[in-house]
């Protein structure tokens, strides 16, 4: 049995970048902002297989891959979704801005593209390098962050201690910094790949600091 999914049910995502085209004002856009726009407002991850017409895709050097509107194409969509879309009385379009598709292709080519895509979808940056307020926590709480469960080493409530879980150490810090560096380097590569495309605007390298922890250390020392 095929379930009909009513077209009135729309899954919306608040755009990370509210501007329809974030390069309009200056003719240039930061690569991180562009990726957030492509995967956020444009939701390009849902349209990478459709979007551009065959002629546009071939002219841009993209691989043409899309569902047809015939019965076979619709059966493929049903198999993929597990339901049939009810298009009665509603015009649906699979269009996405060509620049967003260019971003998707560049992200797929970049060595760390998966990381760029994940953080663009989330609208965040890697933050595991940030030193937390609490570097350890009690294993068992009586009242979170206020009162912990105490254990004893001997009878008569002797040798009281509180087992803890370490949340932050040098290994965690270095891992977090490595993750951030890989994300930043991948953004630089995506910006370079996009610079080889005729987009009609300039894609600049990431404004985000390559090593933001240095800025934090400088601020603390000041």
N, C-alpha and C. Protein backbone atom coordinates (compact mmCIF):
# COMPACT_ATOMS: atom_id res chain seq x y z
N UNK A 1 0.85 -1.19 0.00
CA UNK A 1 0.00 0.00 0.00
C UNK A 1 0.88 1.24 0.00
N UNK A 2 0.53 2.19 -0.85
CA UNK A 2 1.29 3.44 -0.94
C UNK A 2 0.60 4.51 -0.11
N UNK A 3 1.33 5.12 0.80
CA UNK A 3 0.78 6.19 1.63
C UNK A 3 0.89 7.50 0.89
N UNK A 4 -0.18 8.29 0.91
CA UNK A 4 -0.17 9.59 0.25
C UNK A 4 0.25 10.64 1.26
N UNK A 5 1.32 11.33 0.96
CA UNK A 5 1.80 12.41 1.82
C UNK A 5 1.25 13.73 1.30
N UNK A 6 0.39 14.38 2.09
CA UNK A 6 -0.24 15.61 1.63
C UNK A 6 0.80 16.70 1.42
N UNK A 7 0.69 17.41 0.31
CA UNK A 7 1.65 18.46 0.00
C UNK A 7 1.54 19.66 0.92
N UNK A 8 0.42 19.75 1.70
CA UNK A 8 0.29 20.87 2.62
C UNK A 8 1.27 20.76 3.79
N UNK A 9 1.76 19.55 4.03
CA UNK A 9 2.71 19.36 5.12
C UNK A 9 4.09 19.74 4.61
N UNK A 10 4.58 20.84 5.08
CA UNK A 10 5.85 21.37 4.58
C UNK A 10 6.87 21.37 5.72
N UNK A 11 8.00 20.78 5.46
CA UNK A 11 9.07 20.83 6.44
C UNK A 11 9.91 22.04 6.15
N UNK A 12 9.87 23.03 7.03
CA UNK A 12 10.58 24.28 6.80
C UNK A 12 11.79 24.37 7.70
N UNK A 13 12.77 25.04 7.21
CA UNK A 13 13.98 25.28 8.00
C UNK A 13 14.24 26.77 7.99
N UNK A 14 14.46 27.34 9.16
CA UNK A 14 14.78 28.75 9.23
C UNK A 14 16.14 28.96 8.60
N UNK A 15 16.20 29.86 7.63
CA UNK A 15 17.45 30.09 6.94
C UNK A 15 18.50 30.68 7.87
N UNK A 16 19.69 30.09 7.84
CA UNK A 16 20.79 30.63 8.62
C UNK A 16 21.15 32.01 8.10
N UNK A 17 21.07 32.14 6.78
CA UNK A 17 21.34 33.42 6.14
C UNK A 17 20.03 33.94 5.59
N UNK A 18 19.45 35.00 6.17
CA UNK A 18 18.14 35.46 5.74
C UNK A 18 18.10 36.06 4.35
N UNK A 19 19.24 36.54 3.85
CA UNK A 19 19.26 37.16 2.54
C UNK A 19 19.01 36.11 1.46
N UNK A 20 18.23 36.48 0.45
CA UNK A 20 17.94 35.54 -0.62
C UNK A 20 19.21 35.16 -1.37
N UNK A 21 20.03 36.15 -1.65
CA UNK A 21 21.33 35.92 -2.27
C UNK A 21 22.35 36.72 -1.48
N UNK A 22 23.13 36.11 -0.63
CA UNK A 22 23.99 36.84 0.32
C UNK A 22 25.11 37.64 -0.30
N UNK A 23 25.33 37.53 -1.61
CA UNK A 23 26.38 38.29 -2.27
C UNK A 23 25.85 39.58 -2.91
N UNK A 24 24.53 39.80 -2.86
CA UNK A 24 23.94 40.92 -3.60
C UNK A 24 24.51 42.28 -3.24
N UNK A 25 24.74 42.55 -1.99
CA UNK A 25 25.14 43.89 -1.56
C UNK A 25 26.55 44.27 -1.96
N UNK A 26 27.46 43.29 -1.91
CA UNK A 26 28.87 43.61 -2.14
C UNK A 26 29.48 42.91 -3.35
N UNK A 27 28.79 41.94 -3.91
CA UNK A 27 29.35 41.19 -5.03
C UNK A 27 30.35 40.14 -4.58
N UNK A 28 30.46 39.96 -3.27
CA UNK A 28 31.36 38.96 -2.71
C UNK A 28 30.69 38.34 -1.49
N UNK A 29 31.10 37.12 -1.15
CA UNK A 29 30.51 36.44 0.00
C UNK A 29 31.53 35.50 0.62
N UNK A 30 31.54 35.47 1.93
CA UNK A 30 32.40 34.55 2.67
C UNK A 30 31.96 33.11 2.41
N UNK A 31 32.91 32.23 2.21
CA UNK A 31 32.59 30.85 1.84
C UNK A 31 31.75 30.15 2.90
N UNK A 32 31.98 30.44 4.17
CA UNK A 32 31.18 29.82 5.22
C UNK A 32 29.73 30.27 5.14
N UNK A 33 29.52 31.57 4.90
CA UNK A 33 28.16 32.11 4.76
C UNK A 33 27.48 31.50 3.54
N UNK A 34 28.24 31.36 2.45
CA UNK A 34 27.67 30.79 1.23
C UNK A 34 27.25 29.34 1.44
N UNK A 35 28.08 28.58 2.13
CA UNK A 35 27.72 27.18 2.40
C UNK A 35 26.49 27.09 3.30
N UNK A 36 26.41 27.97 4.30
CA UNK A 36 25.24 27.99 5.18
C UNK A 36 23.98 28.33 4.40
N UNK A 37 24.10 29.24 3.46
CA UNK A 37 22.96 29.62 2.61
C UNK A 37 22.56 28.47 1.71
N UNK A 38 23.54 27.80 1.11
CA UNK A 38 23.25 26.70 0.17
C UNK A 38 22.57 25.54 0.87
N UNK A 39 23.07 25.16 2.02
CA UNK A 39 22.51 24.00 2.73
C UNK A 39 21.39 24.38 3.67
N UNK A 40 21.27 25.67 3.99
CA UNK A 40 20.20 26.13 4.86
C UNK A 40 19.00 26.61 4.06
N UNK A 41 19.03 27.87 3.64
CA UNK A 41 17.88 28.44 2.93
C UNK A 41 17.57 27.71 1.63
N UNK A 42 18.61 27.28 0.90
CA UNK A 42 18.39 26.61 -0.38
C UNK A 42 18.16 25.11 -0.23
N UNK A 43 18.54 24.53 0.91
CA UNK A 43 18.38 23.09 1.15
C UNK A 43 18.91 22.27 -0.03
N UNK A 44 20.11 22.63 -0.48
CA UNK A 44 20.65 22.03 -1.69
C UNK A 44 20.89 20.53 -1.53
N UNK A 45 21.06 20.06 -0.31
CA UNK A 45 21.28 18.63 -0.13
C UNK A 45 20.08 17.81 -0.58
N UNK A 46 18.89 18.42 -0.64
CA UNK A 46 17.68 17.71 -1.09
C UNK A 46 17.50 17.79 -2.60
N UNK A 47 18.27 18.66 -3.26
CA UNK A 47 18.04 18.91 -4.68
C UNK A 47 19.25 18.63 -5.56
N UNK A 48 20.27 18.04 -5.00
CA UNK A 48 21.48 17.82 -5.78
C UNK A 48 21.22 16.93 -6.99
N UNK A 49 20.17 16.09 -6.95
CA UNK A 49 19.88 15.18 -8.05
C UNK A 49 18.91 15.78 -9.06
N UNK A 50 18.37 16.98 -8.75
CA UNK A 50 17.44 17.59 -9.69
C UNK A 50 17.92 19.01 -9.99
N UNK A 51 17.14 20.04 -9.77
CA UNK A 51 17.65 21.41 -9.84
C UNK A 51 17.90 21.95 -11.22
N UNK A 52 19.12 21.87 -11.72
CA UNK A 52 19.46 22.48 -13.00
C UNK A 52 18.88 21.70 -14.17
N UNK A 53 18.55 22.43 -15.22
CA UNK A 53 18.13 21.76 -16.44
C UNK A 53 19.34 21.07 -17.07
N UNK A 54 19.09 20.19 -18.00
CA UNK A 54 20.18 19.46 -18.64
C UNK A 54 21.17 20.42 -19.30
N UNK A 55 20.66 21.41 -20.04
CA UNK A 55 21.55 22.34 -20.73
C UNK A 55 22.38 23.16 -19.75
N UNK A 56 21.77 23.63 -18.67
CA UNK A 56 22.51 24.40 -17.67
C UNK A 56 23.59 23.55 -17.02
N UNK A 57 23.24 22.31 -16.69
CA UNK A 57 24.19 21.43 -16.03
C UNK A 57 25.38 21.13 -16.93
N UNK A 58 25.09 20.83 -18.21
CA UNK A 58 26.17 20.52 -19.14
C UNK A 58 27.06 21.73 -19.37
N UNK A 59 26.45 22.92 -19.47
CA UNK A 59 27.23 24.14 -19.69
C UNK A 59 28.14 24.44 -18.50
N UNK A 60 27.67 24.09 -17.29
CA UNK A 60 28.46 24.35 -16.09
C UNK A 60 29.45 23.24 -15.79
N UNK A 61 29.38 22.17 -16.59
CA UNK A 61 30.31 21.07 -16.39
C UNK A 61 29.89 20.10 -15.32
N UNK A 62 28.61 20.12 -14.94
CA UNK A 62 28.11 19.21 -13.91
C UNK A 62 27.61 17.91 -14.54
N UNK A 63 27.62 16.85 -13.75
CA UNK A 63 27.07 15.59 -14.20
C UNK A 63 25.54 15.66 -14.14
N UNK A 64 24.89 15.32 -15.21
CA UNK A 64 23.44 15.40 -15.27
C UNK A 64 22.84 14.17 -14.61
N UNK A 65 22.03 14.38 -13.61
CA UNK A 65 21.37 13.28 -12.92
C UNK A 65 20.08 13.79 -12.31
N UNK A 66 18.94 13.31 -12.81
CA UNK A 66 17.66 13.78 -12.29
C UNK A 66 16.58 12.74 -12.58
N UNK A 67 15.49 12.80 -11.82
CA UNK A 67 14.35 11.92 -12.06
C UNK A 67 13.53 12.46 -13.22
N UNK A 68 13.02 11.57 -14.02
CA UNK A 68 12.13 11.98 -15.09
C UNK A 68 10.70 12.10 -14.55
N UNK A 69 9.82 12.68 -15.33
CA UNK A 69 8.43 12.86 -14.92
C UNK A 69 7.54 11.72 -15.38
N UNK A 70 8.13 10.69 -16.01
CA UNK A 70 7.31 9.58 -16.49
C UNK A 70 7.02 8.61 -15.34
N UNK A 71 6.33 7.52 -15.66
CA UNK A 71 5.94 6.57 -14.62
C UNK A 71 7.12 5.95 -13.90
N UNK A 72 8.20 5.68 -14.64
CA UNK A 72 9.37 5.07 -14.01
C UNK A 72 9.97 6.01 -12.97
N UNK A 73 10.07 7.30 -13.34
CA UNK A 73 10.62 8.27 -12.41
C UNK A 73 9.79 8.38 -11.15
N UNK A 74 8.46 8.36 -11.31
CA UNK A 74 7.59 8.46 -10.14
C UNK A 74 7.69 7.22 -9.26
N UNK A 75 7.84 6.03 -9.88
CA UNK A 75 8.04 4.81 -9.10
C UNK A 75 9.34 4.87 -8.31
N UNK A 76 10.37 5.45 -8.91
CA UNK A 76 11.65 5.60 -8.22
C UNK A 76 11.49 6.50 -7.01
N UNK A 77 10.70 7.58 -7.16
CA UNK A 77 10.47 8.48 -6.04
C UNK A 77 9.70 7.78 -4.92
N UNK A 78 8.70 6.97 -5.28
CA UNK A 78 7.93 6.24 -4.28
C UNK A 78 8.83 5.28 -3.51
N UNK A 79 9.72 4.59 -4.24
CA UNK A 79 10.64 3.67 -3.59
C UNK A 79 11.57 4.41 -2.65
N UNK A 80 12.01 5.59 -3.05
CA UNK A 80 12.95 6.37 -2.25
C UNK A 80 12.27 6.96 -1.02
N UNK A 81 11.04 7.47 -1.17
CA UNK A 81 10.36 8.15 -0.08
C UNK A 81 9.51 7.23 0.78
N UNK A 82 9.05 6.13 0.18
CA UNK A 82 8.12 5.27 0.90
C UNK A 82 6.70 5.79 0.87
N UNK A 83 6.44 6.76 0.01
CA UNK A 83 5.10 7.34 -0.10
C UNK A 83 4.99 8.04 -1.45
N UNK A 84 3.79 8.46 -1.79
CA UNK A 84 3.56 9.21 -3.01
C UNK A 84 3.13 10.62 -2.65
N UNK A 85 3.75 11.61 -3.27
CA UNK A 85 3.42 13.00 -3.01
C UNK A 85 2.12 13.38 -3.71
N UNK A 86 1.18 13.97 -2.97
CA UNK A 86 -0.07 14.45 -3.54
C UNK A 86 0.16 15.86 -4.06
N UNK A 87 0.20 16.01 -5.38
CA UNK A 87 0.46 17.31 -5.98
C UNK A 87 -0.83 18.02 -6.42
N UNK A 88 -1.96 17.49 -6.00
CA UNK A 88 -3.24 18.06 -6.42
C UNK A 88 -3.41 19.51 -6.02
N UNK A 89 -3.57 20.39 -6.99
CA UNK A 89 -3.84 21.79 -6.72
C UNK A 89 -2.64 22.59 -6.27
N UNK A 90 -1.45 21.98 -6.24
CA UNK A 90 -0.25 22.68 -5.79
C UNK A 90 0.84 22.50 -6.83
N UNK A 91 1.51 23.58 -7.16
CA UNK A 91 2.62 23.52 -8.10
C UNK A 91 3.90 23.36 -7.32
N UNK A 92 4.60 22.27 -7.56
CA UNK A 92 5.86 22.02 -6.87
C UNK A 92 7.01 22.24 -7.84
N UNK A 93 8.07 22.82 -7.34
CA UNK A 93 9.23 23.07 -8.17
C UNK A 93 10.48 22.50 -7.51
N UNK A 94 11.31 21.89 -8.31
CA UNK A 94 12.56 21.33 -7.80
C UNK A 94 13.72 22.27 -8.08
N UNK A 95 13.41 23.54 -8.38
CA UNK A 95 14.46 24.49 -8.73
C UNK A 95 15.28 24.86 -7.50
N UNK A 96 16.55 25.04 -7.71
CA UNK A 96 17.45 25.52 -6.67
C UNK A 96 18.44 26.44 -7.37
N UNK A 97 18.93 27.45 -6.68
CA UNK A 97 19.82 28.40 -7.31
C UNK A 97 21.08 27.70 -7.82
N UNK A 98 21.52 27.99 -9.05
CA UNK A 98 22.72 27.35 -9.60
C UNK A 98 23.94 27.51 -8.69
N UNK A 99 24.04 28.65 -7.99
CA UNK A 99 25.18 28.86 -7.09
C UNK A 99 25.17 27.85 -5.95
N UNK A 100 23.98 27.48 -5.47
CA UNK A 100 23.89 26.50 -4.40
C UNK A 100 24.35 25.13 -4.88
N UNK A 101 23.99 24.78 -6.12
CA UNK A 101 24.47 23.52 -6.67
C UNK A 101 25.97 23.54 -6.89
N UNK A 102 26.51 24.70 -7.27
CA UNK A 102 27.96 24.83 -7.42
C UNK A 102 28.65 24.60 -6.08
N UNK A 103 28.05 25.12 -5.01
CA UNK A 103 28.58 24.89 -3.67
C UNK A 103 28.58 23.40 -3.34
N UNK A 104 27.47 22.74 -3.63
CA UNK A 104 27.36 21.31 -3.34
C UNK A 104 28.42 20.50 -4.07
N UNK A 105 28.66 20.84 -5.34
CA UNK A 105 29.68 20.13 -6.11
C UNK A 105 31.07 20.39 -5.55
N UNK A 106 31.35 21.63 -5.16
CA UNK A 106 32.66 21.95 -4.58
C UNK A 106 32.85 21.24 -3.25
N UNK A 107 31.81 21.21 -2.45
CA UNK A 107 31.89 20.52 -1.15
C UNK A 107 32.15 19.03 -1.36
N UNK A 108 31.51 18.44 -2.35
CA UNK A 108 31.71 17.02 -2.63
C UNK A 108 33.14 16.73 -3.11
N UNK A 109 33.75 17.71 -3.77
CA UNK A 109 35.11 17.53 -4.28
C UNK A 109 36.16 17.74 -3.20
N UNK A 110 35.88 18.61 -2.25
CA UNK A 110 36.86 18.96 -1.23
C UNK A 110 37.17 17.76 -0.33
N UNK A 111 38.41 17.67 0.13
CA UNK A 111 38.83 16.54 0.94
C UNK A 111 38.03 16.46 2.25
N UNK A 112 37.79 17.60 2.87
CA UNK A 112 37.02 17.62 4.11
C UNK A 112 35.59 18.08 3.90
N UNK A 113 35.07 17.79 2.72
CA UNK A 113 33.74 18.29 2.36
C UNK A 113 32.63 17.80 3.27
N UNK A 114 32.72 16.57 3.75
CA UNK A 114 31.66 16.05 4.62
C UNK A 114 31.53 16.88 5.88
N UNK A 115 32.67 17.32 6.41
CA UNK A 115 32.63 18.14 7.61
C UNK A 115 32.02 19.50 7.32
N UNK A 116 32.39 20.10 6.19
CA UNK A 116 31.81 21.39 5.80
C UNK A 116 30.31 21.27 5.66
N UNK A 117 29.87 20.20 5.02
CA UNK A 117 28.43 19.99 4.81
C UNK A 117 27.70 19.83 6.14
N UNK A 118 28.27 19.05 7.04
CA UNK A 118 27.62 18.79 8.33
C UNK A 118 27.43 20.07 9.13
N UNK A 119 28.46 20.90 9.19
CA UNK A 119 28.36 22.13 9.97
C UNK A 119 27.53 23.19 9.26
N UNK A 120 27.53 23.18 7.93
CA UNK A 120 26.66 24.10 7.20
C UNK A 120 25.19 23.75 7.44
N UNK A 121 24.88 22.47 7.45
CA UNK A 121 23.51 22.03 7.73
C UNK A 121 23.09 22.41 9.15
N UNK A 122 24.02 22.30 10.09
CA UNK A 122 23.72 22.62 11.48
C UNK A 122 23.77 24.12 11.76
N UNK A 123 24.44 24.86 10.88
CA UNK A 123 24.58 26.30 11.10
C UNK A 123 25.52 26.64 12.24
N UNK A 124 26.52 25.77 12.46
CA UNK A 124 27.46 25.97 13.55
C UNK A 124 28.89 25.82 13.06
N UNK A 125 29.82 25.98 14.00
CA UNK A 125 31.23 25.73 13.74
C UNK A 125 31.72 24.67 14.73
N UNK A 126 32.82 23.99 14.42
CA UNK A 126 33.38 23.03 15.39
C UNK A 126 33.72 23.76 16.69
N UNK A 127 33.28 23.23 17.81
CA UNK A 127 33.49 23.91 19.09
C UNK A 127 34.09 23.02 20.15
N UNK A 128 34.53 21.81 19.76
CA UNK A 128 35.09 20.89 20.75
C UNK A 128 36.40 21.41 21.33
N UNK A 129 37.01 22.41 20.68
CA UNK A 129 38.27 22.97 21.18
C UNK A 129 38.04 23.95 22.33
N UNK A 130 36.80 24.40 22.51
CA UNK A 130 36.49 25.42 23.52
C UNK A 130 36.55 24.79 24.91
N UNK A 131 37.34 25.38 25.79
CA UNK A 131 37.47 24.87 27.14
C UNK A 131 36.16 25.04 27.89
N UNK A 132 35.59 23.96 28.42
CA UNK A 132 34.30 24.06 29.10
C UNK A 132 34.42 24.69 30.48
N UNK A 133 33.30 25.13 30.99
CA UNK A 133 33.28 25.71 32.34
C UNK A 133 33.64 24.66 33.38
N UNK A 134 33.16 23.44 33.19
CA UNK A 134 33.45 22.34 34.10
C UNK A 134 34.30 21.30 33.37
N UNK A 135 35.46 20.99 33.91
CA UNK A 135 36.35 20.02 33.28
C UNK A 135 36.10 18.60 33.77
N UNK A 136 35.30 18.45 34.78
CA UNK A 136 34.91 17.14 35.28
C UNK A 136 33.52 17.24 35.87
N UNK A 137 32.85 16.11 35.97
CA UNK A 137 31.52 16.07 36.54
C UNK A 137 31.39 14.83 37.42
N UNK A 138 30.47 14.91 38.36
CA UNK A 138 30.24 13.76 39.22
C UNK A 138 29.65 12.60 38.42
N UNK A 139 30.01 11.38 38.79
CA UNK A 139 29.47 10.22 38.09
C UNK A 139 27.96 10.12 38.30
N UNK A 140 27.52 10.41 39.52
CA UNK A 140 26.09 10.35 39.83
C UNK A 140 25.70 11.63 40.57
N UNK A 141 24.66 12.29 40.08
CA UNK A 141 24.19 13.52 40.71
C UNK A 141 23.01 13.24 41.63
N UNK A 142 23.01 13.93 42.76
CA UNK A 142 21.82 14.00 43.58
C UNK A 142 20.99 15.19 43.11
N UNK A 143 21.69 16.31 42.83
CA UNK A 143 21.10 17.49 42.23
C UNK A 143 22.12 18.02 41.23
N UNK A 144 21.81 18.00 39.93
CA UNK A 144 22.80 18.35 38.90
C UNK A 144 23.58 19.61 39.18
N UNK A 145 24.91 19.46 39.16
CA UNK A 145 25.87 20.55 39.32
C UNK A 145 25.80 21.24 40.68
N UNK A 146 25.06 20.64 41.61
CA UNK A 146 24.98 21.20 42.96
C UNK A 146 25.36 20.18 44.03
N UNK A 147 24.85 18.97 43.92
CA UNK A 147 25.10 17.96 44.95
C UNK A 147 25.32 16.61 44.29
N UNK A 148 26.48 15.98 44.61
CA UNK A 148 26.83 14.71 44.00
C UNK A 148 26.69 13.57 44.99
N UNK A 149 26.54 12.37 44.46
CA UNK A 149 26.47 11.18 45.31
C UNK A 149 27.87 10.84 45.81
N UNK A 150 27.96 10.56 47.10
CA UNK A 150 29.24 10.26 47.74
C UNK A 150 29.32 8.75 48.01
N UNK A 151 30.49 8.18 47.77
CA UNK A 151 30.73 6.78 48.09
C UNK A 151 31.77 6.68 49.19
N UNK A 152 31.84 5.52 49.84
CA UNK A 152 32.72 5.35 50.99
C UNK A 152 33.61 4.12 50.79
N UNK A 153 34.85 4.25 51.29
CA UNK A 153 35.82 3.16 51.13
C UNK A 153 35.71 2.10 52.22
N UNK A 154 35.12 2.46 53.34
CA UNK A 154 35.05 1.51 54.44
C UNK A 154 33.79 1.67 55.25
N UNK A 155 33.60 0.83 56.26
CA UNK A 155 32.40 0.91 57.10
C UNK A 155 32.41 2.19 57.94
N UNK A 156 31.23 2.54 58.42
CA UNK A 156 31.12 3.74 59.26
C UNK A 156 31.29 5.02 58.47
N UNK A 157 31.00 4.95 57.22
CA UNK A 157 31.08 6.14 56.35
C UNK A 157 32.49 6.75 56.38
N UNK A 158 33.47 5.86 56.27
CA UNK A 158 34.85 6.31 56.26
C UNK A 158 35.37 6.37 54.82
N UNK A 159 36.35 7.24 54.64
CA UNK A 159 36.98 7.37 53.31
C UNK A 159 36.02 7.84 52.25
N UNK A 160 35.29 8.89 52.54
CA UNK A 160 34.31 9.40 51.58
C UNK A 160 35.00 9.98 50.35
N UNK A 161 34.45 9.70 49.19
CA UNK A 161 34.98 10.28 47.95
C UNK A 161 33.84 10.38 46.93
N UNK A 162 34.08 11.17 45.93
CA UNK A 162 33.09 11.38 44.87
C UNK A 162 33.68 10.93 43.54
N UNK A 163 33.22 9.84 42.97
CA UNK A 163 33.71 9.43 41.64
C UNK A 163 33.34 10.48 40.60
N UNK A 164 34.27 10.78 39.70
CA UNK A 164 34.03 11.81 38.69
C UNK A 164 34.31 11.27 37.30
N UNK A 165 33.77 11.96 36.32
CA UNK A 165 34.02 11.69 34.90
C UNK A 165 34.76 12.90 34.34
N UNK A 166 35.93 12.68 33.78
CA UNK A 166 36.73 13.77 33.22
C UNK A 166 36.14 14.19 31.88
N UNK A 167 35.80 15.46 31.77
CA UNK A 167 35.21 15.98 30.54
C UNK A 167 36.23 16.66 29.64
N UNK A 168 37.32 17.10 30.21
CA UNK A 168 38.27 17.90 29.45
C UNK A 168 39.69 17.61 29.91
N UNK A 169 40.56 17.31 28.97
CA UNK A 169 41.98 17.14 29.26
C UNK A 169 42.76 17.54 28.02
N UNK A 170 44.07 17.37 28.07
CA UNK A 170 44.91 17.80 26.95
C UNK A 170 44.57 17.03 25.66
N UNK A 171 44.24 15.75 25.82
CA UNK A 171 43.89 14.96 24.64
C UNK A 171 42.62 15.46 23.97
N UNK A 172 41.62 15.78 24.79
CA UNK A 172 40.37 16.32 24.26
C UNK A 172 40.60 17.67 23.59
N UNK A 173 41.44 18.50 24.19
CA UNK A 173 41.72 19.81 23.62
C UNK A 173 42.39 19.69 22.25
N UNK A 174 43.38 18.82 22.15
CA UNK A 174 44.08 18.66 20.88
C UNK A 174 43.18 18.06 19.81
N UNK A 175 42.31 17.13 20.22
CA UNK A 175 41.36 16.55 19.27
C UNK A 175 40.42 17.64 18.74
N UNK A 176 39.93 18.49 19.63
CA UNK A 176 39.02 19.56 19.23
C UNK A 176 39.69 20.54 18.28
N UNK A 177 40.95 20.85 18.56
CA UNK A 177 41.67 21.79 17.68
C UNK A 177 41.93 21.16 16.31
N UNK A 178 42.20 19.86 16.30
CA UNK A 178 42.41 19.16 15.02
C UNK A 178 41.15 19.19 14.19
N UNK A 179 40.00 18.94 14.83
CA UNK A 179 38.72 18.97 14.12
C UNK A 179 38.47 20.35 13.51
N UNK A 180 38.74 21.39 14.28
CA UNK A 180 38.51 22.74 13.79
C UNK A 180 39.44 23.05 12.61
N UNK A 181 40.72 22.67 12.73
CA UNK A 181 41.66 22.93 11.63
C UNK A 181 41.21 22.24 10.35
N UNK A 182 40.76 20.99 10.45
CA UNK A 182 40.32 20.26 9.27
C UNK A 182 39.12 20.94 8.63
N UNK A 183 38.19 21.41 9.45
CA UNK A 183 37.01 22.13 8.93
C UNK A 183 37.44 23.41 8.23
N UNK A 184 38.35 24.17 8.85
CA UNK A 184 38.79 25.44 8.27
C UNK A 184 39.54 25.22 6.96
N UNK A 185 40.42 24.22 6.94
CA UNK A 185 41.17 23.91 5.71
C UNK A 185 40.23 23.47 4.60
N UNK A 186 39.19 22.73 4.95
CA UNK A 186 38.21 22.30 3.95
C UNK A 186 37.46 23.50 3.38
N UNK A 187 37.13 24.47 4.22
CA UNK A 187 36.47 25.68 3.74
C UNK A 187 37.37 26.44 2.77
N UNK A 188 38.65 26.51 3.09
CA UNK A 188 39.60 27.18 2.19
C UNK A 188 39.61 26.49 0.83
N UNK A 189 39.60 25.15 0.84
CA UNK A 189 39.59 24.40 -0.42
C UNK A 189 38.30 24.62 -1.19
N UNK A 190 37.17 24.64 -0.50
CA UNK A 190 35.89 24.89 -1.16
C UNK A 190 35.90 26.28 -1.81
N UNK A 191 36.43 27.27 -1.11
CA UNK A 191 36.51 28.63 -1.66
C UNK A 191 37.37 28.63 -2.92
N UNK A 192 38.47 27.90 -2.90
CA UNK A 192 39.34 27.85 -4.07
C UNK A 192 38.63 27.17 -5.25
N UNK A 193 37.95 26.06 -4.98
CA UNK A 193 37.23 25.35 -6.04
C UNK A 193 36.16 26.24 -6.66
N UNK A 194 35.47 27.01 -5.82
CA UNK A 194 34.42 27.90 -6.33
C UNK A 194 35.01 29.07 -7.12
N UNK A 195 36.25 29.44 -6.82
CA UNK A 195 36.89 30.54 -7.56
C UNK A 195 37.16 30.15 -9.01
N UNK A 196 37.14 28.85 -9.31
CA UNK A 196 37.36 28.40 -10.69
C UNK A 196 36.07 28.37 -11.50
N UNK A 197 34.94 28.67 -10.85
CA UNK A 197 33.63 28.68 -11.52
C UNK A 197 33.21 30.11 -11.83
N UNK A 198 32.52 30.29 -12.94
CA UNK A 198 31.99 31.61 -13.31
C UNK A 198 30.64 31.78 -12.62
N UNK A 199 30.66 32.28 -11.41
CA UNK A 199 29.44 32.40 -10.62
C UNK A 199 28.79 33.77 -10.73
N UNK A 200 29.55 34.76 -11.16
CA UNK A 200 29.01 36.12 -11.24
C UNK A 200 29.26 36.91 -9.96
N UNK A 201 29.95 36.32 -9.01
CA UNK A 201 30.33 37.01 -7.78
C UNK A 201 31.58 36.34 -7.24
N UNK A 202 32.20 36.97 -6.26
CA UNK A 202 33.46 36.47 -5.70
C UNK A 202 33.22 35.72 -4.40
N UNK A 203 33.83 34.56 -4.29
CA UNK A 203 33.77 33.79 -3.05
C UNK A 203 35.09 33.97 -2.32
N UNK A 204 35.04 34.55 -1.13
CA UNK A 204 36.26 34.80 -0.37
C UNK A 204 36.52 33.66 0.61
N UNK A 205 37.76 33.56 1.04
CA UNK A 205 38.12 32.56 2.03
C UNK A 205 37.41 32.83 3.34
N UNK A 206 37.42 31.86 4.25
CA UNK A 206 36.68 32.01 5.50
C UNK A 206 37.19 33.16 6.36
N UNK A 207 36.26 33.97 6.84
CA UNK A 207 36.59 35.03 7.77
C UNK A 207 36.94 34.43 9.13
N UNK A 208 36.37 33.29 9.43
CA UNK A 208 36.64 32.62 10.70
C UNK A 208 38.14 32.41 10.88
N UNK A 209 38.62 32.65 12.08
CA UNK A 209 40.03 32.50 12.39
C UNK A 209 40.47 31.06 12.18
N UNK A 210 41.70 30.89 11.69
CA UNK A 210 42.23 29.55 11.49
C UNK A 210 42.57 28.88 12.82
N UNK A 211 42.91 29.69 13.84
CA UNK A 211 43.22 29.17 15.17
C UNK A 211 42.60 30.09 16.21
N UNK A 212 41.31 30.00 16.42
CA UNK A 212 40.61 30.92 17.32
C UNK A 212 41.07 30.85 18.76
N UNK A 213 41.68 29.73 19.16
CA UNK A 213 42.16 29.61 20.54
C UNK A 213 43.29 30.58 20.82
N UNK A 214 44.02 31.01 19.80
CA UNK A 214 45.05 32.02 19.99
C UNK A 214 44.44 33.36 20.38
N UNK A 215 43.30 33.67 19.77
CA UNK A 215 42.60 34.91 20.12
C UNK A 215 42.12 34.86 21.56
N UNK A 216 41.65 33.68 21.99
CA UNK A 216 41.19 33.52 23.37
C UNK A 216 42.34 33.69 24.34
N UNK A 217 43.49 33.09 24.02
CA UNK A 217 44.67 33.20 24.89
C UNK A 217 45.14 34.64 24.98
N UNK A 218 45.10 35.37 23.85
CA UNK A 218 45.52 36.77 23.85
C UNK A 218 44.60 37.62 24.71
N UNK A 219 43.29 37.34 24.60
CA UNK A 219 42.31 38.10 25.39
C UNK A 219 42.51 37.84 26.88
N UNK A 220 42.84 36.62 27.25
CA UNK A 220 43.04 36.30 28.66
C UNK A 220 44.30 36.98 29.19
N UNK A 221 45.32 37.07 28.34
CA UNK A 221 46.58 37.66 28.78
C UNK A 221 46.51 39.18 28.89
N UNK A 222 45.54 39.77 28.17
CA UNK A 222 45.44 41.24 28.16
C UNK A 222 44.96 41.78 29.51
